[in-house]
Amino acid sequence: IGMSGAGKSTLVRCINYLEKPTGGKIIFD
């Protein structure tokens, strides 16, 4: 949860790699 512009929608798009992260890791299963 976060207000508009907090980055939450970008975060969910990074989770499934619709957006490629600039750094760090997403480990799925």
PDB file of all heavy atoms in Angstrom:
ATOM      1  N   ILE A   1       0.833  -1.202   0.000  1.00  0.00           N
ATOM      2  CA  ILE A   1       0.000   0.000   0.000  1.00  0.00           C
ATOM      3  C   ILE A   1       0.864   1.246   0.000  1.00  0.00           C
ATOM      4  O   ILE A   1       1.932   1.285   0.605  1.00  0.00           O
ATOM      5  CB  ILE A   1      -0.973  -0.001   1.208  1.00  0.00           C
ATOM      6  CG1 ILE A   1      -1.974   1.140   1.115  1.00  0.00           C
ATOM      7  CG2 ILE A   1      -0.218   0.041   2.529  1.00  0.00           C
ATOM      8  CD1 ILE A   1      -3.085   1.071   2.152  1.00  0.00           C
ATOM      9  N   GLY A   2       0.389   2.245  -0.701  1.00  0.00           N
ATOM     10  CA  GLY A   2       1.079   3.527  -0.744  1.00  0.00           C
ATOM     11  C   GLY A   2       0.227   4.514  -1.514  1.00  0.00           C
ATOM     12  O   GLY A   2      -0.676   4.135  -2.256  1.00  0.00           O
ATOM     13  N   MET A   3       0.509   5.789  -1.336  1.00  0.00           N
ATOM     14  CA  MET A   3      -0.237   6.809  -2.050  1.00  0.00           C
ATOM     15  C   MET A   3       0.240   6.854  -3.502  1.00  0.00           C
ATOM     16  O   MET A   3       1.236   6.221  -3.880  1.00  0.00           O
ATOM     17  CB  MET A   3      -0.049   8.176  -1.387  1.00  0.00           C
ATOM     18  CG  MET A   3      -0.414   8.189   0.094  1.00  0.00           C
ATOM     19  SD  MET A   3      -2.032   7.438   0.470  1.00  0.00           S
ATOM     20  CE  MET A   3      -3.127   8.649  -0.267  1.00  0.00           C
ATOM     21  N   SER A   4      -0.462   7.608  -4.338  1.00  0.00           N
ATOM     22  CA  SER A   4      -0.089   7.727  -5.752  1.00  0.00           C
ATOM     23  C   SER A   4       1.345   8.231  -5.873  1.00  0.00           C
ATOM     24  O   SER A   4       1.737   9.168  -5.175  1.00  0.00           O
ATOM     25  CB  SER A   4      -1.043   8.692  -6.469  1.00  0.00           C
ATOM     26  OG  SER A   4      -2.357   8.179  -6.472  1.00  0.00           O
ATOM     27  N   GLY A   5       2.106   7.594  -6.753  1.00  0.00           N
ATOM     28  CA  GLY A   5       3.499   7.984  -6.955  1.00  0.00           C
ATOM     29  C   GLY A   5       4.478   7.351  -5.998  1.00  0.00           C
ATOM     30  O   GLY A   5       5.678   7.632  -6.049  1.00  0.00           O
ATOM     31  N   ALA A   6       3.999   6.461  -5.122  1.00  0.00           N
ATOM     32  CA  ALA A   6       4.885   5.828  -4.137  1.00  0.00           C
ATOM     33  C   ALA A   6       5.833   4.817  -4.773  1.00  0.00           C
ATOM     34  O   ALA A   6       6.867   4.479  -4.205  1.00  0.00           O
ATOM     35  CB  ALA A   6       4.060   5.153  -3.043  1.00  0.00           C
ATOM     36  N   GLY A   7       5.448   4.268  -5.944  1.00  0.00           N
ATOM     37  CA  GLY A   7       6.286   3.276  -6.614  1.00  0.00           C
ATOM     38  C   GLY A   7       5.733   1.874  -6.563  1.00  0.00           C
ATOM     39  O   GLY A   7       6.354   0.928  -7.049  1.00  0.00           O
ATOM     40  N   LYS A   8       4.524   1.712  -6.020  1.00  0.00           N
ATOM     41  CA  LYS A   8       3.988   0.357  -5.812  1.00  0.00           C
ATOM     42  C   LYS A   8       3.662  -0.360  -7.125  1.00  0.00           C
ATOM     43  O   LYS A   8       3.896  -1.563  -7.247  1.00  0.00           O
ATOM     44  CB  LYS A   8       2.780   0.397  -4.885  1.00  0.00           C
ATOM     45  CG  LYS A   8       1.651   1.286  -5.326  1.00  0.00           C
ATOM     46  CD  LYS A   8       0.628   1.472  -4.226  1.00  0.00           C
ATOM     47  CE  LYS A   8      -0.575   2.261  -4.725  1.00  0.00           C
ATOM     48  NZ  LYS A   8      -0.206   3.646  -5.113  1.00  0.00           N
ATOM     49  N   SER A   9       3.134   0.364  -8.121  1.00  0.00           N
ATOM     50  CA  SER A   9       2.828  -0.283  -9.403  1.00  0.00           C
ATOM     51  C   SER A   9       4.103  -0.662 -10.150  1.00  0.00           C
ATOM     52  O   SER A   9       4.158  -1.704 -10.811  1.00  0.00           O
ATOM     53  CB  SER A   9       1.952   0.628 -10.273  1.00  0.00           C
ATOM     54  OG  SER A   9       0.649   0.712  -9.729  1.00  0.00           O
ATOM     55  N   THR A  10       5.122   0.164 -10.035  1.00  0.00           N
ATOM     56  CA  THR A  10       6.414  -0.201 -10.622  1.00  0.00           C
ATOM     57  C   THR A  10       6.968  -1.442  -9.941  1.00  0.00           C
ATOM     58  O   THR A  10       7.528  -2.329 -10.591  1.00  0.00           O
ATOM     59  CB  THR A  10       7.416   0.968 -10.488  1.00  0.00           C
ATOM     60  OG1 THR A  10       6.881   2.109 -11.156  1.00  0.00           O
ATOM     61  CG2 THR A  10       8.769   0.605 -11.090  1.00  0.00           C
ATOM     62  N   LEU A  11       6.783  -1.525  -8.633  1.00  0.00           N
ATOM     63  CA  LEU A  11       7.260  -2.695  -7.893  1.00  0.00           C
ATOM     64  C   LEU A  11       6.607  -3.978  -8.394  1.00  0.00           C
ATOM     65  O   LEU A  11       7.281  -4.987  -8.621  1.00  0.00           O
ATOM     66  CB  LEU A  11       6.997  -2.511  -6.393  1.00  0.00           C
ATOM     67  CG  LEU A  11       7.331  -3.688  -5.486  1.00  0.00           C
ATOM     68  CD1 LEU A  11       8.802  -4.092  -5.618  1.00  0.00           C
ATOM     69  CD2 LEU A  11       6.998  -3.363  -4.035  1.00  0.00           C
ATOM     70  N   VAL A  12       5.290  -3.958  -8.589  1.00  0.00           N
ATOM     71  CA  VAL A  12       4.611  -5.182  -9.025  1.00  0.00           C
ATOM     72  C   VAL A  12       5.033  -5.555 -10.442  1.00  0.00           C
ATOM     73  O   VAL A  12       5.129  -6.734 -10.792  1.00  0.00           O
ATOM     74  CB  VAL A  12       3.071  -5.043  -8.901  1.00  0.00           C
ATOM     75  CG1 VAL A  12       2.473  -4.197  -9.996  1.00  0.00           C
ATOM     76  CG2 VAL A  12       2.417  -6.417  -8.907  1.00  0.00           C
ATOM     77  N   ARG A  13       5.338  -4.559 -11.274  1.00  0.00           N
ATOM     78  CA  ARG A  13       5.800  -4.849 -12.641  1.00  0.00           C
ATOM     79  C   ARG A  13       7.235  -5.367 -12.652  1.00  0.00           C
ATOM     80  O   ARG A  13       7.627  -6.067 -13.573  1.00  0.00           O
ATOM     81  CB  ARG A  13       5.663  -3.602 -13.511  1.00  0.00           C
ATOM     82  CG  ARG A  13       4.211  -3.244 -13.821  1.00  0.00           C
ATOM     83  CD  ARG A  13       4.102  -1.902 -14.532  1.00  0.00           C
ATOM     84  NE  ARG A  13       4.707  -1.947 -15.858  1.00  0.00           N
ATOM     85  CZ  ARG A  13       4.089  -2.383 -16.947  1.00  0.00           C
ATOM     86  NH1 ARG A  13       2.844  -2.836 -16.868  1.00  0.00           N
ATOM     87  NH2 ARG A  13       4.704  -2.380 -18.100  1.00  0.00           N
ATOM     88  N   CYS A  14       7.989  -5.034 -11.606  1.00  0.00           N
ATOM     89  CA  CYS A  14       9.328  -5.619 -11.472  1.00  0.00           C
ATOM     90  C   CYS A  14       9.236  -7.073 -10.981  1.00  0.00           C
ATOM     91  O   CYS A  14      10.080  -7.897 -11.346  1.00  0.00           O
ATOM     92  CB  CYS A  14      10.175  -4.804 -10.493  1.00  0.00           C
ATOM     93  SG  CYS A  14      10.780  -3.234 -11.158  1.00  0.00           S
ATOM     94  N   ILE A  15       8.221  -7.373 -10.171  1.00  0.00           N
ATOM     95  CA  ILE A  15       8.084  -8.731  -9.644  1.00  0.00           C
ATOM     96  C   ILE A  15       7.959  -9.745 -10.772  1.00  0.00           C
ATOM     97  O   ILE A  15       8.548 -10.828 -10.724  1.00  0.00           O
ATOM     98  CB  ILE A  15       6.887  -8.822  -8.670  1.00  0.00           C
ATOM     99  CG1 ILE A  15       7.207  -8.083  -7.361  1.00  0.00           C
ATOM    100  CG2 ILE A  15       6.534 -10.280  -8.362  1.00  0.00           C
ATOM    101  CD1 ILE A  15       6.047  -7.995  -6.385  1.00  0.00           C
ATOM    102  N   ASN A  16       7.181  -9.394 -11.815  1.00  0.00           N
ATOM    103  CA  ASN A  16       7.051 -10.338 -12.933  1.00  0.00           C
ATOM    104  C   ASN A  16       7.923  -9.962 -14.139  1.00  0.00           C
ATOM    105  O   ASN A  16       7.752 -10.501 -15.235  1.00  0.00           O
ATOM    106  CB  ASN A  16       5.581 -10.488 -13.354  1.00  0.00           C
ATOM    107  CG  ASN A  16       4.980  -9.202 -13.860  1.00  0.00           C
ATOM    108  OD1 ASN A  16       5.668  -8.196 -14.057  1.00  0.00           O
ATOM    109  ND2 ASN A  16       3.676  -9.215 -14.071  1.00  0.00           N
ATOM    110  N   TYR A  17       8.847  -9.025 -13.900  1.00  0.00           N
ATOM    111  CA  TYR A  17       9.838  -8.628 -14.904  1.00  0.00           C
ATOM    112  C   TYR A  17       9.228  -8.009 -16.157  1.00  0.00           C
ATOM    113  O   TYR A  17       9.832  -8.020 -17.229  1.00  0.00           O
ATOM    114  CB  TYR A  17      10.750  -9.798 -15.260  1.00  0.00           C
ATOM    115  CG  TYR A  17      12.135  -9.653 -14.653  1.00  0.00           C
ATOM    116  CD1 TYR A  17      12.299  -9.569 -13.270  1.00  0.00           C
ATOM    117  CD2 TYR A  17      13.277  -9.577 -15.436  1.00  0.00           C
ATOM    118  CE1 TYR A  17      13.544  -9.424 -12.694  1.00  0.00           C
ATOM    119  CE2 TYR A  17      14.534  -9.430 -14.881  1.00  0.00           C
ATOM    120  CZ  TYR A  17      14.660  -9.352 -13.508  1.00  0.00           C
ATOM    121  OH  TYR A  17      15.908  -9.188 -12.949  1.00  0.00           O
ATOM    122  N   LEU A  18       8.008  -7.433 -16.020  1.00  0.00           N
ATOM    123  CA  LEU A  18       7.527  -6.567 -17.091  1.00  0.00           C
ATOM    124  C   LEU A  18       8.380  -5.305 -17.123  1.00  0.00           C
ATOM    125  O   LEU A  18       8.529  -4.671 -18.169  1.00  0.00           O
ATOM    126  CB  LEU A  18       6.052  -6.216 -16.869  1.00  0.00           C
ATOM    127  CG  LEU A  18       5.049  -7.353 -17.121  1.00  0.00           C
ATOM    128  CD1 LEU A  18       3.640  -6.903 -16.783  1.00  0.00           C
ATOM    129  CD2 LEU A  18       5.118  -7.862 -18.550  1.00  0.00           C
ATOM    130  N   GLU A  19       8.907  -4.933 -15.970  1.00  0.00           N
ATOM    131  CA  GLU A  19       9.950  -3.905 -15.872  1.00  0.00           C
ATOM    132  C   GLU A  19      11.211  -4.578 -15.342  1.00  0.00           C
ATOM    133  O   GLU A  19      11.155  -5.274 -14.326  1.00  0.00           O
ATOM    134  CB  GLU A  19       9.544  -2.778 -14.913  1.00  0.00           C
ATOM    135  CG  GLU A  19       8.418  -1.889 -15.394  1.00  0.00           C
ATOM    136  CD  GLU A  19       8.838  -0.921 -16.484  1.00  0.00           C
ATOM    137  OE1 GLU A  19      10.039  -0.870 -16.812  1.00  0.00           O
ATOM    138  OE2 GLU A  19       7.942  -0.222 -16.998  1.00  0.00           O
ATOM    139  N   LYS A  20      12.303  -4.390 -16.023  1.00  0.00           N
ATOM    140  CA  LYS A  20      13.561  -4.987 -15.571  1.00  0.00           C
ATOM    141  C   LYS A  20      14.177  -4.096 -14.497  1.00  0.00           C
ATOM    142  O   LYS A  20      14.389  -2.904 -14.718  1.00  0.00           O
ATOM    143  CB  LYS A  20      14.526  -5.148 -16.744  1.00  0.00           C
ATOM    144  CG  LYS A  20      15.772  -5.935 -16.376  1.00  0.00           C
ATOM    145  CD  LYS A  20      16.641  -6.180 -17.599  1.00  0.00           C
ATOM    146  CE  LYS A  20      17.896  -6.971 -17.210  1.00  0.00           C
ATOM    147  NZ  LYS A  20      18.772  -7.211 -18.387  1.00  0.00           N
ATOM    148  N   PRO A  21      14.447  -4.646 -13.318  1.00  0.00           N
ATOM    149  CA  PRO A  21      15.052  -3.833 -12.252  1.00  0.00           C
ATOM    150  C   PRO A  21      16.401  -3.260 -12.661  1.00  0.00           C
ATOM    151  O   PRO A  21      17.142  -3.867 -13.447  1.00  0.00           O
ATOM    152  CB  PRO A  21      15.208  -4.836 -11.097  1.00  0.00           C
ATOM    153  CG  PRO A  21      14.217  -5.920 -11.392  1.00  0.00           C
ATOM    154  CD  PRO A  21      14.158  -6.022 -12.883  1.00  0.00           C
ATOM    155  N   THR A  22      16.728  -2.097 -12.112  1.00  0.00           N
ATOM    156  CA  THR A  22      18.048  -1.504 -12.327  1.00  0.00           C
ATOM    157  C   THR A  22      19.097  -2.222 -11.495  1.00  0.00           C
ATOM    158  O   THR A  22      20.243  -2.382 -11.911  1.00  0.00           O
ATOM    159  CB  THR A  22      18.009  -0.002 -11.954  1.00  0.00           C
ATOM    160  OG1 THR A  22      16.954   0.631 -12.673  1.00  0.00           O
ATOM    161  CG2 THR A  22      19.333   0.670 -12.286  1.00  0.00           C
ATOM    162  N   GLY A  23      18.693  -2.681 -10.320  1.00  0.00           N
ATOM    163  CA  GLY A  23      19.600  -3.414  -9.443  1.00  0.00           C
ATOM    164  C   GLY A  23      18.825  -4.301  -8.496  1.00  0.00           C
ATOM    165  O   GLY A  23      17.608  -4.177  -8.342  1.00  0.00           O
ATOM    166  N   GLY A  24      19.523  -5.235  -7.864  1.00  0.00           N
ATOM    167  CA  GLY A  24      18.886  -6.151  -6.928  1.00  0.00           C
ATOM    168  C   GLY A  24      18.313  -7.381  -7.615  1.00  0.00           C
ATOM    169  O   GLY A  24      18.493  -7.590  -8.820  1.00  0.00           O
ATOM    170  N   LYS A  25      17.615  -8.211  -6.845  1.00  0.00           N
ATOM    171  CA  LYS A  25      17.113  -9.487  -7.355  1.00  0.00           C
ATOM    172  C   LYS A  25      15.633  -9.687  -7.045  1.00  0.00           C
ATOM    173  O   LYS A  25      15.144  -9.259  -5.999  1.00  0.00           O
ATOM    174  CB  LYS A  25      17.887 -10.652  -6.722  1.00  0.00           C
ATOM    175  CG  LYS A  25      19.336 -10.770  -7.151  1.00  0.00           C
ATOM    176  CD  LYS A  25      19.977 -11.982  -6.487  1.00  0.00           C
ATOM    177  CE  LYS A  25      21.428 -12.149  -6.925  1.00  0.00           C
ATOM    178  NZ  LYS A  25      22.043 -13.349  -6.288  1.00  0.00           N
ATOM    179  N   ILE A  26      14.969 -10.369  -7.965  1.00  0.00           N
ATOM    180  CA  ILE A  26      13.638 -10.925  -7.726  1.00  0.00           C
ATOM    181  C   ILE A  26      13.790 -12.440  -7.805  1.00  0.00           C
ATOM    182  O   ILE A  26      14.163 -12.980  -8.852  1.00  0.00           O
ATOM    183  CB  ILE A  26      12.610 -10.467  -8.779  1.00  0.00           C
ATOM    184  CG1 ILE A  26      12.504  -8.944  -8.827  1.00  0.00           C
ATOM    185  CG2 ILE A  26      11.252 -11.121  -8.513  1.00  0.00           C
ATOM    186  CD1 ILE A  26      11.807  -8.322  -7.661  1.00  0.00           C
ATOM    187  N   ILE A  27      13.520 -13.119  -6.710  1.00  0.00           N
ATOM    188  CA  ILE A  27      13.601 -14.585  -6.689  1.00  0.00           C
ATOM    189  C   ILE A  27      12.179 -15.118  -6.549  1.00  0.00           C
ATOM    190  O   ILE A  27      11.504 -14.867  -5.547  1.00  0.00           O
ATOM    191  CB  ILE A  27      14.498 -15.079  -5.544  1.00  0.00           C
ATOM    192  CG1 ILE A  27      15.919 -14.533  -5.737  1.00  0.00           C
ATOM    193  CG2 ILE A  27      14.514 -16.608  -5.486  1.00  0.00           C
ATOM    194  CD1 ILE A  27      16.852 -14.768  -4.571  1.00  0.00           C
ATOM    195  N   PHE A  28      11.724 -15.818  -7.583  1.00  0.00           N
ATOM    196  CA  PHE A  28      10.370 -16.348  -7.602  1.00  0.00           C
ATOM    197  C   PHE A  28      10.426 -17.870  -7.546  1.00  0.00           C
ATOM    198  O   PHE A  28      10.998 -18.510  -8.427  1.00  0.00           O
ATOM    199  CB  PHE A  28       9.624 -15.906  -8.868  1.00  0.00           C
ATOM    200  CG  PHE A  28       8.238 -16.492  -8.980  1.00  0.00           C
ATOM    201  CD1 PHE A  28       7.192 -15.963  -8.247  1.00  0.00           C
ATOM    202  CD2 PHE A  28       7.989 -17.593  -9.784  1.00  0.00           C
ATOM    203  CE1 PHE A  28       5.917 -16.504  -8.336  1.00  0.00           C
ATOM    204  CE2 PHE A  28       6.731 -18.147  -9.874  1.00  0.00           C
ATOM    205  CZ  PHE A  28       5.690 -17.594  -9.151  1.00  0.00           C
ATOM    206  N   ASP A  29       9.850 -18.408  -6.500  1.00  0.00           N
ATOM    207  CA  ASP A  29       9.802 -19.868  -6.317  1.00  0.00           C
ATOM    208  C   ASP A  29      11.190 -20.494  -6.486  1.00  0.00           C
ATOM    209  O   ASP A  29      11.354 -21.528  -7.127  1.00  0.00           O
ATOM    210  CB  ASP A  29       8.814 -20.488  -7.300  1.00  0.00           C
ATOM    211  CG  ASP A  29       8.281 -21.832  -6.831  1.00  0.00           C
ATOM    212  OD1 ASP A  29       8.361 -22.119  -5.623  1.00  0.00           O
ATOM    213  OD2 ASP A  29       7.800 -22.608  -7.681  1.00  0.00           O
TER     214      ASP A  29
END
